[in-house]
C-alpha atoms as a PDB file:
ATOM      1  CA  MET A   1      90.793 166.403  50.465  1.00  0.00           C
ATOM      2  CA  LYS A   2      92.392 167.507  53.530  1.00  0.00           C
ATOM      3  CA  THR A   3      96.094 167.894  53.820  1.00  0.00           C
ATOM      4  CA  ASN A   4      97.903 167.398  57.163  1.00  0.00           C
ATOM      5  CA  SER A   5      99.929 170.497  57.566  1.00  0.00           C
ATOM      6  CA  ASN A   6     101.179 169.687  61.177  1.00  0.00           C
ATOM      7  CA  THR A   7     104.595 168.235  60.565  1.00  0.00           C
ATOM      8  CA  LYS A   8     106.313 166.754  63.704  1.00  0.00           C
ATOM      9  CA  LEU A   9     110.022 167.059  64.108  1.00  0.00           C
ATOM     10  CA  ILE A  10     111.812 164.424  66.259  1.00  0.00           C
ATOM     11  CA  LEU A  11     115.242 165.362  67.502  1.00  0.00           C
ATOM     12  CA  LEU A  12     117.595 162.775  69.035  1.00  0.00           C
ATOM     13  CA  HIS A  13     120.044 164.053  71.585  1.00  0.00           C
ATOM     14  CA  PRO A  14     123.364 162.278  70.996  1.00  0.00           C
ATOM     15  CA  SER A  15     124.420 162.365  74.659  1.00  0.00           C
ATOM     16  CA  LEU A  16     121.691 159.938  75.627  1.00  0.00           C
ATOM     17  CA  HIS A  17     123.583 156.961  74.026  1.00  0.00           C
ATOM     18  CA  LYS A  18     127.173 158.020  74.266  1.00  0.00           C
ATOM     19  CA  GLN A  19     127.314 159.045  77.925  1.00  0.00           C
ATOM     20  CA  PRO A  20     129.222 156.384  80.001  1.00  0.00           C
ATOM     21  CA  LEU A  21     127.530 154.533  82.925  1.00  0.00           C
ATOM     22  CA  PRO A  22     128.264 155.969  86.307  1.00  0.00           C
ATOM     23  CA  SER A  23     130.775 154.008  88.523  1.00  0.00           C
ATOM     24  CA  LEU A  24     129.114 151.845  91.117  1.00  0.00           C
ATOM     25  CA  LEU A  25     131.932 152.268  93.700  1.00  0.00           C
ATOM     26  CA  PRO A  26     134.725 154.754  94.109  1.00  0.00           C
ATOM     27  CA  SER A  27     138.209 153.459  93.260  1.00  0.00           C
ATOM     28  CA  HIS A  28     139.457 153.146  96.864  1.00  0.00           C
ATOM     29  CA  HIS A  29     136.439 150.996  97.748  1.00  0.00           C
ATOM     30  CA  ARG A  30     137.261 148.630  94.923  1.00  0.00           C
ATOM     31  CA  LEU A  31     140.770 148.216  96.271  1.00  0.00           C
ATOM     32  CA  CYS A  32     139.420 147.387  99.708  1.00  0.00           C
ATOM     33  CA  LEU A  33     137.088 144.789  98.249  1.00  0.00           C
ATOM     34  CA  LEU A  34     139.906 143.223  96.247  1.00  0.00           C
ATOM     35  CA  PHE A  35     142.123 143.030  99.327  1.00  0.00           C
ATOM     36  CA  PHE A  36     139.328 141.455 101.392  1.00  0.00           C
ATOM     37  CA  LEU A  37     138.723 138.775  98.744  1.00  0.00           C
ATOM     38  CA  ILE A  38     142.427 137.928  98.571  1.00  0.00           C
ATOM     39  CA  PHE A  39     142.724 137.765 102.383  1.00  0.00           C
ATOM     40  CA  PHE A  40     139.615 135.585 102.712  1.00  0.00           C
ATOM     41  CA  THR A  41     140.871 133.184 100.042  1.00  0.00           C
ATOM     42  CA  PHE A  42     144.269 132.858 101.730  1.00  0.00           C
ATOM     43  CA  THR A  43     142.761 132.343 105.173  1.00  0.00           C
ATOM     44  CA  PHE A  44     140.345 129.681 103.954  1.00  0.00           C
ATOM     45  CA  SER A  45     143.102 127.795 102.114  1.00  0.00           C
ATOM     46  CA  PHE A  46     145.426 127.896 105.137  1.00  0.00           C
ATOM     47  CA  THR A  47     142.694 126.665 107.491  1.00  0.00           C
ATOM     48  CA  LEU A  48     141.775 123.830 105.138  1.00  0.00           C
ATOM     49  CA  LEU A  49     145.380 122.691 104.795  1.00  0.00           C
ATOM     50  CA  SER A  50     146.009 122.906 108.547  1.00  0.00           C
ATOM     51  CA  THR A  51     142.907 120.885 109.364  1.00  0.00           C
ATOM     52  CA  THR A  52     143.798 118.210 106.823  1.00  0.00           C
ATOM     53  CA  PHE A  53     147.363 117.934 108.117  1.00  0.00           C
ATOM     54  CA  SER A  54     146.245 117.773 111.736  1.00  0.00           C
ATOM     55  CA  SER A  55     143.685 115.072 110.920  1.00  0.00           C
ATOM     56  CA  THR A  56     146.340 113.044 109.126  1.00  0.00           C
ATOM     57  CA  ILE A  57     148.623 113.193 112.144  1.00  0.00           C
ATOM     58  CA  THR A  58     145.792 112.236 114.495  1.00  0.00           C
ATOM     59  CA  ILE A  59     144.735 109.279 112.364  1.00  0.00           C
ATOM     60  CA  THR A  60     148.321 108.095 112.031  1.00  0.00           C
ATOM     61  CA  THR A  61     148.939 108.430 115.751  1.00  0.00           C
ATOM     62  CA  THR A  62     145.765 106.672 116.833  1.00  0.00           C
ATOM     63  CA  SER A  63     146.060 103.910 114.276  1.00  0.00           C
ATOM     64  CA  THR A  64     149.536 102.952 115.444  1.00  0.00           C
ATOM     65  CA  PRO A  65     149.311 100.716 118.550  1.00  0.00           C
ATOM     66  CA  THR A  66     151.381 101.770 121.561  1.00  0.00           C
ATOM     67  CA  THR A  67     154.027  99.220 122.455  1.00  0.00           C
ATOM     68  CA  LEU A  68     155.614  99.133 125.873  1.00  0.00           C
ATOM     69  CA  SER A  69     159.160  97.925 125.543  1.00  0.00           C
ATOM     70  CA  PRO A  70     161.023  96.307 128.449  1.00  0.00           C
ATOM     71  CA  LEU A  71     163.997  97.929 130.079  1.00  0.00           C
ATOM     72  CA  PRO A  72     167.133  98.189 127.950  1.00  0.00           C
ATOM     73  CA  PRO A  73     169.481  95.231 128.554  1.00  0.00           C
ATOM     74  CA  SER A  74     172.103  97.543 130.030  1.00  0.00           C
ATOM     75  CA  VAL A  75     169.667  98.844 132.658  1.00  0.00           C
ATOM     76  CA  THR A  76     168.522  95.336 133.519  1.00  0.00           C
ATOM     77  CA  LYS A  77     172.113  94.193 133.904  1.00  0.00           C
ATOM     78  CA  ALA A  78     172.930  97.141 136.158  1.00  0.00           C
ATOM     79  CA  LEU A  79     169.901  96.506 138.382  1.00  0.00           C
ATOM     80  CA  LEU A  80     170.794  92.842 138.756  1.00  0.00           C
ATOM     81  CA  HIS A  81     174.403  93.740 139.513  1.00  0.00           C
ATOM     82  CA  TYR A  82     173.610  96.170 142.326  1.00  0.00           C
ATOM     83  CA  ALA A  83     170.858  93.996 143.759  1.00  0.00           C
ATOM     84  CA  SER A  84     173.327  91.107 144.126  1.00  0.00           C
ATOM     85  CA  ILE A  85     175.745  93.231 146.175  1.00  0.00           C
ATOM     86  CA  PRO A  86     175.202  92.640 149.909  1.00  0.00           C
ATOM     87  CA  ASN A  87     173.650  95.618 151.660  1.00  0.00           C
ATOM     88  CA  THR A  88     175.552  96.477 154.826  1.00  0.00           C
ATOM     89  CA  THR A  89     172.307  97.573 156.498  1.00  0.00           C
ATOM     90  CA  ALA A  90     170.347  94.436 155.584  1.00  0.00           C
ATOM     91  CA  THR A  91     169.908  91.574 158.037  1.00  0.00           C
ATOM     92  CA  THR A  92     170.164  88.778 155.449  1.00  0.00           C
ATOM     93  CA  LYS A  93     172.253  88.161 152.418  1.00  0.00           C
ATOM     94  CA  PRO A  94     170.449  88.793 149.113  1.00  0.00           C
ATOM     95  CA  MET A  95     169.375  86.241 146.533  1.00  0.00           C
ATOM     96  CA  SER A  96     172.110  84.644 144.499  1.00  0.00           C
ATOM     97  CA  PRO A  97     172.750  85.899 140.943  1.00  0.00           C
ATOM     98  CA  ASN A  98     171.291  82.659 139.566  1.00  0.00           C
ATOM     99  CA  GLU A  99     168.074  83.119 141.550  1.00  0.00           C
ATOM    100  CA  LEU A 100     167.778  86.751 140.449  1.00  0.00           C
ATOM    101  CA  ASN A 101     168.276  85.771 136.812  1.00  0.00           C
ATOM    102  CA  ALA A 102     165.627  83.039 136.987  1.00  0.00           C
ATOM    103  CA  ILE A 103     162.922  85.436 138.216  1.00  0.00           C
ATOM    104  CA  THR A 104     164.049  88.288 135.951  1.00  0.00           C
ATOM    105  CA  THR A 105     163.977  86.097 132.836  1.00  0.00           C
ATOM    106  CA  THR A 106     160.363  85.148 133.530  1.00  0.00           C
ATOM    107  CA  LEU A 107     159.289  88.741 134.225  1.00  0.00           C
ATOM    108  CA  LEU A 108     160.809  90.036 130.999  1.00  0.00           C
ATOM    109  CA  GLN A 109     159.117  87.334 128.922  1.00  0.00           C
ATOM    110  CA  ILE A 110     155.580  88.339 129.987  1.00  0.00           C
ATOM    111  CA  PRO A 111     154.146  91.599 128.625  1.00  0.00           C
ATOM    112  CA  GLN A 112     152.969  93.843 131.474  1.00  0.00           C
ATOM    113  CA  PRO A 113     152.778  91.066 134.077  1.00  0.00           C
ATOM    114  CA  ASN A 114     150.812  91.212 137.322  1.00  0.00           C
ATOM    115  CA  LEU A 115     153.369  90.440 140.038  1.00  0.00           C
ATOM    116  CA  LEU A 116     152.451  89.538 143.637  1.00  0.00           C
ATOM    117  CA  ILE A 117     155.247  89.311 146.208  1.00  0.00           C
ATOM    118  CA  PHE A 118     155.098  87.918 149.746  1.00  0.00           C
ATOM    119  CA  GLY A 119     157.771  89.642 151.829  1.00  0.00           C
ATOM    120  CA  LEU A 120     159.736  92.894 151.744  1.00  0.00           C
ATOM    121  CA  THR A 121     163.336  91.989 150.996  1.00  0.00           C
ATOM    122  CA  HIS A 122     166.634  93.325 149.757  1.00  0.00           C
ATOM    123  CA  GLU A 123     165.356  92.820 146.197  1.00  0.00           C
ATOM    124  CA  SER A 124     161.979  94.582 146.535  1.00  0.00           C
ATOM    125  CA  LEU A 125     162.961  97.731 144.639  1.00  0.00           C
ATOM    126  CA  LEU A 126     164.574  95.578 141.947  1.00  0.00           C
ATOM    127  CA  TRP A 127     161.306  93.733 141.254  1.00  0.00           C
ATOM    128  CA  HIS A 128     159.366  96.993 141.166  1.00  0.00           C
ATOM    129  CA  ALA A 129     161.864  98.534 138.711  1.00  0.00           C
ATOM    130  CA  LEU A 130     162.017  95.492 136.436  1.00  0.00           C
ATOM    131  CA  ASN A 131     158.221  95.368 136.269  1.00  0.00           C
ATOM    132  CA  HIS A 132     157.861  99.065 135.414  1.00  0.00           C
ATOM    133  CA  ASN A 133     155.261  98.302 132.702  1.00  0.00           C
ATOM    134  CA  GLY A 134     153.211  95.945 134.863  1.00  0.00           C
ATOM    135  CA  ARG A 135     151.596  95.919 138.284  1.00  0.00           C
ATOM    136  CA  THR A 136     153.542  94.955 141.407  1.00  0.00           C
ATOM    137  CA  VAL A 137     151.980  94.386 144.837  1.00  0.00           C
ATOM    138  CA  PHE A 138     153.909  93.616 148.035  1.00  0.00           C
ATOM    139  CA  LEU A 139     152.537  91.777 151.087  1.00  0.00           C
ATOM    140  CA  ASP A 140     154.366  91.681 154.398  1.00  0.00           C
ATOM    141  CA  GLU A 141     153.695  90.679 157.984  1.00  0.00           C
ATOM    142  CA  ASN A 142     155.111  93.910 159.470  1.00  0.00           C
ATOM    143  CA  GLU A 143     152.813  96.934 159.299  1.00  0.00           C
ATOM    144  CA  TYR A 144     155.692  99.249 160.289  1.00  0.00           C
ATOM    145  CA  TYR A 145     157.885  98.052 157.412  1.00  0.00           C
ATOM    146  CA  ILE A 146     155.015  98.460 154.959  1.00  0.00           C
ATOM    147  CA  ALA A 147     154.278 102.024 156.064  1.00  0.00           C
ATOM    148  CA  ASN A 148     157.910 103.101 155.834  1.00  0.00           C
ATOM    149  CA  PHE A 149     158.464 101.341 152.538  1.00  0.00           C
ATOM    150  CA  GLU A 150     155.504 103.134 150.943  1.00  0.00           C
ATOM    151  CA  LYS A 151     156.590 106.464 152.447  1.00  0.00           C
ATOM    152  CA  SER A 152     160.143 106.113 151.137  1.00  0.00           C
ATOM    153  CA  ASN A 153     159.003 104.903 147.718  1.00  0.00           C
ATOM    154  CA  PRO A 154     155.950 106.806 146.472  1.00  0.00           C
ATOM    155  CA  GLY A 155     153.918 104.815 143.984  1.00  0.00           C
ATOM    156  CA  ILE A 156     154.575 101.465 145.677  1.00  0.00           C
ATOM    157  CA  GLU A 157     151.510  99.317 146.350  1.00  0.00           C
ATOM    158  CA  ALA A 158     151.907  97.291 149.552  1.00  0.00           C
ATOM    159  CA  TYR A 159     149.681  95.790 152.253  1.00  0.00           C
ATOM    160  CA  ASP A 160     150.271  94.203 155.638  1.00  0.00           C
ATOM    161  CA  VAL A 161     149.033  90.692 156.420  1.00  0.00           C
ATOM    162  CA  GLN A 162     148.169  89.385 159.878  1.00  0.00           C
ATOM    163  CA  PHE A 163     149.398  85.767 159.912  1.00  0.00           C
ATOM    164  CA  THR A 164     147.919  83.515 162.615  1.00  0.00           C
ATOM    165  CA  THR A 165     150.088  80.459 161.957  1.00  0.00           C
ATOM    166  CA  LYS A 166     153.330  79.209 163.503  1.00  0.00           C
ATOM    167  CA  VAL A 167     156.039  77.143 161.870  1.00  0.00           C
ATOM    168  CA  SER A 168     155.860  74.604 164.707  1.00  0.00           C
ATOM    169  CA  ASP A 169     152.214  73.896 163.821  1.00  0.00           C
ATOM    170  CA  TYR A 170     152.829  73.056 160.180  1.00  0.00           C
ATOM    171  CA  PRO A 171     152.243  69.247 160.434  1.00  0.00           C
ATOM    172  CA  ASN A 172     148.782  69.791 161.935  1.00  0.00           C
ATOM    173  CA  LEU A 173     147.986  72.560 159.447  1.00  0.00           C
ATOM    174  CA  LEU A 174     148.942  70.317 156.550  1.00  0.00           C
ATOM    175  CA  SER A 175     146.785  67.448 157.810  1.00  0.00           C
ATOM    176  CA  TYR A 176     143.877  69.831 158.308  1.00  0.00           C
ATOM    177  CA  ALA A 177     144.199  71.294 154.784  1.00  0.00           C
ATOM    178  CA  LYS A 178     144.286  67.846 153.210  1.00  0.00           C
ATOM    179  CA  SER A 179     141.187  66.781 155.123  1.00  0.00           C
ATOM    180  CA  GLN A 180     139.367  69.910 153.879  1.00  0.00           C
ATOM    181  CA  SER A 181     140.461  69.610 150.232  1.00  0.00           C
ATOM    182  CA  LYS A 182     136.819  69.200 149.157  1.00  0.00           C
ATOM    183  CA  GLY A 183     135.523  71.865 151.502  1.00  0.00           C
ATOM    184  CA  ASP A 184     137.061  75.026 152.925  1.00  0.00           C
ATOM    185  CA  CYS A 185     140.525  74.339 151.504  1.00  0.00           C
ATOM    186  CA  LYS A 186     139.617  73.367 147.951  1.00  0.00           C
ATOM    187  CA  PRO A 187     141.931  74.446 145.109  1.00  0.00           C
ATOM    188  CA  VAL A 188     139.442  76.678 143.240  1.00  0.00           C
ATOM    189  CA  GLN A 189     137.655  79.219 145.400  1.00  0.00           C
ATOM    190  CA  ASN A 190     137.274  82.894 146.192  1.00  0.00           C
ATOM    191  CA  LEU A 191     139.685  83.405 149.056  1.00  0.00           C
ATOM    192  CA  LEU A 192     137.864  86.556 150.122  1.00  0.00           C
ATOM    193  CA  PHE A 193     135.151  84.282 151.566  1.00  0.00           C
ATOM    194  CA  SER A 194     137.406  81.368 152.512  1.00  0.00           C
ATOM    195  CA  GLU A 195     137.179  79.730 155.931  1.00  0.00           C
ATOM    196  CA  CYS A 196     140.339  77.668 155.414  1.00  0.00           C
ATOM    197  CA  LYS A 197     142.933  78.254 158.150  1.00  0.00           C
ATOM    198  CA  LEU A 198     145.666  78.508 155.516  1.00  0.00           C
ATOM    199  CA  GLY A 199     143.842  80.923 153.221  1.00  0.00           C
ATOM    200  CA  ILE A 200     144.645  84.643 153.454  1.00  0.00           C
ATOM    201  CA  ASN A 201     141.244  86.335 153.296  1.00  0.00           C
ATOM    202  CA  ASP A 202     141.830  89.813 154.764  1.00  0.00           C
ATOM    203  CA  LEU A 203     143.417  91.563 151.794  1.00  0.00           C
ATOM    204  CA  PRO A 204     141.676  94.398 149.910  1.00  0.00           C
ATOM    205  CA  ASN A 205     138.891  92.955 147.770  1.00  0.00           C
ATOM    206  CA  HIS A 206     140.445  93.929 144.427  1.00  0.00           C
ATOM    207  CA  ILE A 207     143.556  91.846 145.103  1.00  0.00           C
ATOM    208  CA  TYR A 208     141.495  88.662 144.679  1.00  0.00           C
ATOM    209  CA  GLN A 209     140.209  89.820 141.282  1.00  0.00           C
ATOM    210  CA  VAL A 210     143.636  90.321 139.690  1.00  0.00           C
ATOM    211  CA  PRO A 211     144.831  87.526 137.351  1.00  0.00           C
ATOM    212  CA  TRP A 212     148.326  87.175 138.779  1.00  0.00           C
ATOM    213  CA  ASP A 213     150.964  86.118 136.249  1.00  0.00           C
ATOM    214  CA  VAL A 214     153.894  85.787 138.666  1.00  0.00           C
ATOM    215  CA  ILE A 215     153.823  85.155 142.428  1.00  0.00           C
ATOM    216  CA  LEU A 216     157.000  85.225 144.533  1.00  0.00           C
ATOM    217  CA  VAL A 217     156.905  83.715 148.020  1.00  0.00           C
ATOM    218  CA  ASP A 218     159.834  85.191 149.941  1.00  0.00           C
ATOM    219  CA  GLY A 219     158.079  85.877 153.224  1.00  0.00           C
ATOM    220  CA  PRO A 220     157.014  85.914 155.962  1.00  0.00           C
ATOM    221  CA  ARG A 221     159.694  84.792 158.422  1.00  0.00           C
ATOM    222  CA  GLY A 222     160.117  81.081 158.745  1.00  0.00           C
ATOM    223  CA  TYR A 223     163.461  80.432 160.396  1.00  0.00           C
ATOM    224  CA  PHE A 224     162.342  79.650 163.995  1.00  0.00           C
ATOM    225  CA  PRO A 225     159.447  77.672 165.543  1.00  0.00           C
ATOM    226  CA  ASP A 226     157.304  80.666 166.555  1.00  0.00           C
ATOM    227  CA  ALA A 227     157.719  82.482 163.219  1.00  0.00           C
ATOM    228  CA  PRO A 228     154.567  82.750 161.069  1.00  0.00           C
ATOM    229  CA  GLY A 229     156.087  80.550 158.375  1.00  0.00           C
ATOM    230  CA  ARG A 230     155.175  80.463 154.698  1.00  0.00           C
ATOM    231  CA  MET A 231     152.453  77.823 154.853  1.00  0.00           C
ATOM    232  CA  SER A 232     149.626  80.316 154.236  1.00  0.00           C
ATOM    233  CA  ALA A 233     151.592  82.179 151.577  1.00  0.00           C
ATOM    234  CA  ILE A 234     152.241  78.991 149.581  1.00  0.00           C
ATOM    235  CA  PHE A 235     148.659  77.739 149.942  1.00  0.00           C
ATOM    236  CA  THR A 236     147.251  81.148 148.953  1.00  0.00           C
ATOM    237  CA  ALA A 237     149.569  81.335 145.945  1.00  0.00           C
ATOM    238  CA  ALA A 238     148.371  77.915 144.800  1.00  0.00           C
ATOM    239  CA  VAL A 239     144.676  78.868 145.122  1.00  0.00           C
ATOM    240  CA  LEU A 240     145.194  82.180 143.312  1.00  0.00           C
ATOM    241  CA  ALA A 241     146.901  80.317 140.461  1.00  0.00           C
ATOM    242  CA  LYS A 242     144.246  77.596 140.266  1.00  0.00           C
ATOM    243  CA  SER A 243     141.396  80.121 140.502  1.00  0.00           C
ATOM    244  CA  LYS A 244     142.868  82.571 138.012  1.00  0.00           C
ATOM    245  CA  LYS A 245     140.272  83.893 135.574  1.00  0.00           C
ATOM    246  CA  ALA A 246     141.944  84.970 132.367  1.00  0.00           C
ATOM    247  CA  VAL A 247     140.125  87.126 129.868  1.00  0.00           C
ATOM    248  CA  THR A 248     139.493  85.792 126.357  1.00  0.00           C
ATOM    249  CA  GLY A 249     142.846  85.070 124.779  1.00  0.00           C
ATOM    250  CA  GLY A 250     144.581  85.900 128.054  1.00  0.00           C
ATOM    251  CA  ARG A 251     147.268  84.084 129.989  1.00  0.00           C
ATOM    252  CA  THR A 252     146.100  80.992 131.861  1.00  0.00           C
ATOM    253  CA  MET A 253     149.431  80.045 133.447  1.00  0.00           C
ATOM    254  CA  THR A 254     150.874  81.406 136.688  1.00  0.00           C
ATOM    255  CA  HIS A 255     154.571  81.289 137.569  1.00  0.00           C
ATOM    256  CA  VAL A 256     155.079  80.719 141.303  1.00  0.00           C
ATOM    257  CA  PHE A 257     158.551  81.123 142.823  1.00  0.00           C
ATOM    258  CA  VAL A 258     159.293  79.882 146.347  1.00  0.00           C
ATOM    259  CA  HIS A 259     162.508  81.039 147.986  1.00  0.00           C
ATOM    260  CA  ASP A 260     164.312  79.001 150.659  1.00  0.00           C
ATOM    261  CA  ILE A 261     162.747  75.834 149.287  1.00  0.00           C
ATOM    262  CA  GLY A 262     165.451  73.808 151.006  1.00  0.00           C
ATOM    263  CA  ARG A 263     163.701  74.312 154.335  1.00  0.00           C
ATOM    264  CA  ASP A 264     161.126  71.768 155.486  1.00  0.00           C
ATOM    265  CA  VAL A 265     158.023  73.968 155.438  1.00  0.00           C
ATOM    266  CA  GLU A 266     158.765  75.444 152.013  1.00  0.00           C
ATOM    267  CA  ARG A 267     159.627  72.038 150.551  1.00  0.00           C
ATOM    268  CA  VAL A 268     156.672  70.099 152.010  1.00  0.00           C
ATOM    269  CA  PHE A 269     153.992  72.717 151.324  1.00  0.00           C
ATOM    270  CA  SER A 270     155.322  73.385 147.811  1.00  0.00           C
ATOM    271  CA  ASN A 271     155.153  69.681 147.025  1.00  0.00           C
ATOM    272  CA  GLU A 272     151.618  69.427 148.407  1.00  0.00           C
ATOM    273  CA  PHE A 273     149.997  72.532 146.908  1.00  0.00           C
ATOM    274  CA  LEU A 274     152.229  73.659 144.029  1.00  0.00           C
ATOM    275  CA  CYS A 275     153.064  70.070 143.053  1.00  0.00           C
ATOM    276  CA  GLU A 276     156.233  68.413 141.836  1.00  0.00           C
ATOM    277  CA  GLU A 277     154.751  67.870 138.369  1.00  0.00           C
ATOM    278  CA  ASN A 278     154.578  71.663 138.025  1.00  0.00           C
ATOM    279  CA  LEU A 279     158.200  72.225 139.069  1.00  0.00           C
ATOM    280  CA  VAL A 280     160.064  73.463 135.981  1.00  0.00           C
ATOM    281  CA  GLU A 281     163.378  74.349 137.600  1.00  0.00           C
ATOM    282  CA  LYS A 282     165.208  74.621 140.883  1.00  0.00           C
ATOM    283  CA  VAL A 283     167.948  77.215 141.065  1.00  0.00           C
ATOM    284  CA  ASP A 284     169.986  77.239 144.267  1.00  0.00           C
ATOM    285  CA  LEU A 285     167.325  77.829 146.966  1.00  0.00           C
ATOM    286  CA  LEU A 286     164.604  78.904 144.528  1.00  0.00           C
ATOM    287  CA  GLY A 287     161.826  76.658 143.242  1.00  0.00           C
ATOM    288  CA  HIS A 288     160.001  77.660 140.044  1.00  0.00           C
ATOM    289  CA  PHE A 289     156.520  76.224 139.444  1.00  0.00           C
ATOM    290  CA  VAL A 290     154.186  76.840 136.498  1.00  0.00           C
ATOM    291  CA  ILE A 291     150.516  76.206 137.293  1.00  0.00           C
ATOM    292  CA  GLU A 292     147.570  75.996 134.889  1.00  0.00           C
ATOM    293  CA  ASN A 293     144.305  77.585 136.013  1.00  0.00           C
ATOM    294  CA  GLU A 294     141.217  75.458 136.619  1.00  0.00           C
ATOM    295  CA  ALA A 295     138.666  78.223 137.127  1.00  0.00           C
ATOM    296  CA  GLU A 296     136.594  76.964 134.191  1.00  0.00           C
ATOM    297  CA  ASN A 297     135.711  73.603 135.735  1.00  0.00           C
ATOM    298  CA  GLY A 298     136.152  74.372 139.428  1.00  0.00           C
ATOM    299  CA  THR A 299     135.346  70.794 140.395  1.00  0.00           C
ATOM    300  CA  SER A 300     138.821  69.514 141.226  1.00  0.00           C
ATOM    301  CA  SER A 301     139.410  68.652 144.877  1.00  0.00           C
ATOM    302  CA  GLU A 302     143.092  67.903 144.427  1.00  0.00           C
ATOM    303  CA  PHE A 303     145.951  70.331 143.981  1.00  0.00           C
ATOM    304  CA  CYS A 304     148.227  67.679 142.482  1.00  0.00           C
ATOM    305  CA  ARG A 305     147.697  64.613 140.350  1.00  0.00           C
ATOM    306  CA  ASN A 306     150.177  62.710 142.490  1.00  0.00           C
ATOM    307  CA  SER A 307     150.551  63.988 146.014  1.00  0.00           C
ATOM    308  CA  SER A 308     154.112  63.345 147.133  1.00  0.00           C
ATOM    309  CA  SER A 309     154.352  65.360 150.337  1.00  0.00           C
ATOM    310  CA  MET A 310     155.766  63.496 153.303  1.00  0.00           C
ATOM    311  CA  LEU A 311     155.646  64.760 156.866  1.00  0.00           C
ATOM    312  CA  LEU A 312     158.752  64.408 158.958  1.00  0.00           C
ATOM    313  CA  SER A 313     158.708  61.603 161.444  1.00  0.00           C
ATOM    314  CA  SER A 314     158.344  62.590 165.069  1.00  0.00           C
ATOM    315  CA  ASN A 315     161.920  61.417 165.716  1.00  0.00           C
ATOM    316  CA  GLU A 316     163.392  63.681 163.059  1.00  0.00           C
ATOM    317  CA  PRO A 317     163.931  67.296 164.188  1.00  0.00           C
ATOM    318  CA  PRO A 318     162.835  69.986 161.741  1.00  0.00           C
ATOM    319  CA  MET A 319     165.529  71.725 159.739  1.00  0.00           C
ATOM    320  CA  TRP A 320     165.406  75.319 160.978  1.00  0.00           C
ATOM    321  CA  ASP A 321     167.175  78.089 159.161  1.00  0.00           C
ATOM    322  CA  PHE A 322     168.553  80.401 161.808  1.00  0.00           C
ATOM    323  CA  ARG A 323     169.281  83.271 159.449  1.00  0.00           C
ATOM    324  CA  LYS A 324     167.962  86.624 160.611  1.00  0.00           C
ATOM    325  CA  SER A 325     164.640  88.024 159.507  1.00  0.00           C
ATOM    326  CA  VAL A 326     164.181  89.516 156.076  1.00  0.00           C
ATOM    327  CA  ILE A 327     163.354  93.228 156.108  1.00  0.00           C
END
């Protein structure tokens, strides 16, 4: 029997288990890492909060509808007051306070109205100021007045109109229009393509596309036989009101004011084309008509249900108003 005399001695070095692990990073690097983590966390939190707050403001702002309020009552009162004071440089006396109030009341009751005005007058700047939330367009016979008015009042929209009529011809013009009520002078039509002698068809194209809420006829001149007269202005106002195309849920009525309605031309043509059944009030020399549109059917050949216009007899002289021209 053999005996194994080679004894093996195994020695364990204690330092192999007790020696600590070496540091992965020096101490100053750890501080830098800690600072970077804190800074990143703070920046991320601040950005998140700012974005959330900004989004909340944006949503709140866009979800709240913008409302356009009318002028304060004090401003309206002041404008009416100064507009009623005679202007020493004007050639006519202004509208009466009652007439001003009638038009102003209507304007302030309609949100953002489209206002069309025939004639540059003492009150022109008043109407533009009162309708600051809406659209106001002026039409006048005098190209020089229009150019100077726009130059003196930037932002004003105004156009000149070349009238071919005369006050002395109004009986013949009325007879002609009545005979063409089913043709060229029908109530519902696009005036841009109209061949009616009373229709104004030379305005910029977009004017005929506007659904006018209020129309004021205070021009052109009509106080002497050779003056253009307001026959075309009244007829055009009536056609624009009858042909008005309101958007869905929009306004279908048009308020038409005629100044100097005590004169023959204004009275007769208002009765014929704006109609007595549509007359809601008469204040001093101002007639107020409210006309319903008929653009949907477009088949009517009559402006009024009961025509009541009466031409003056040949023995009765016309009632001229010899006041000076309105500027």
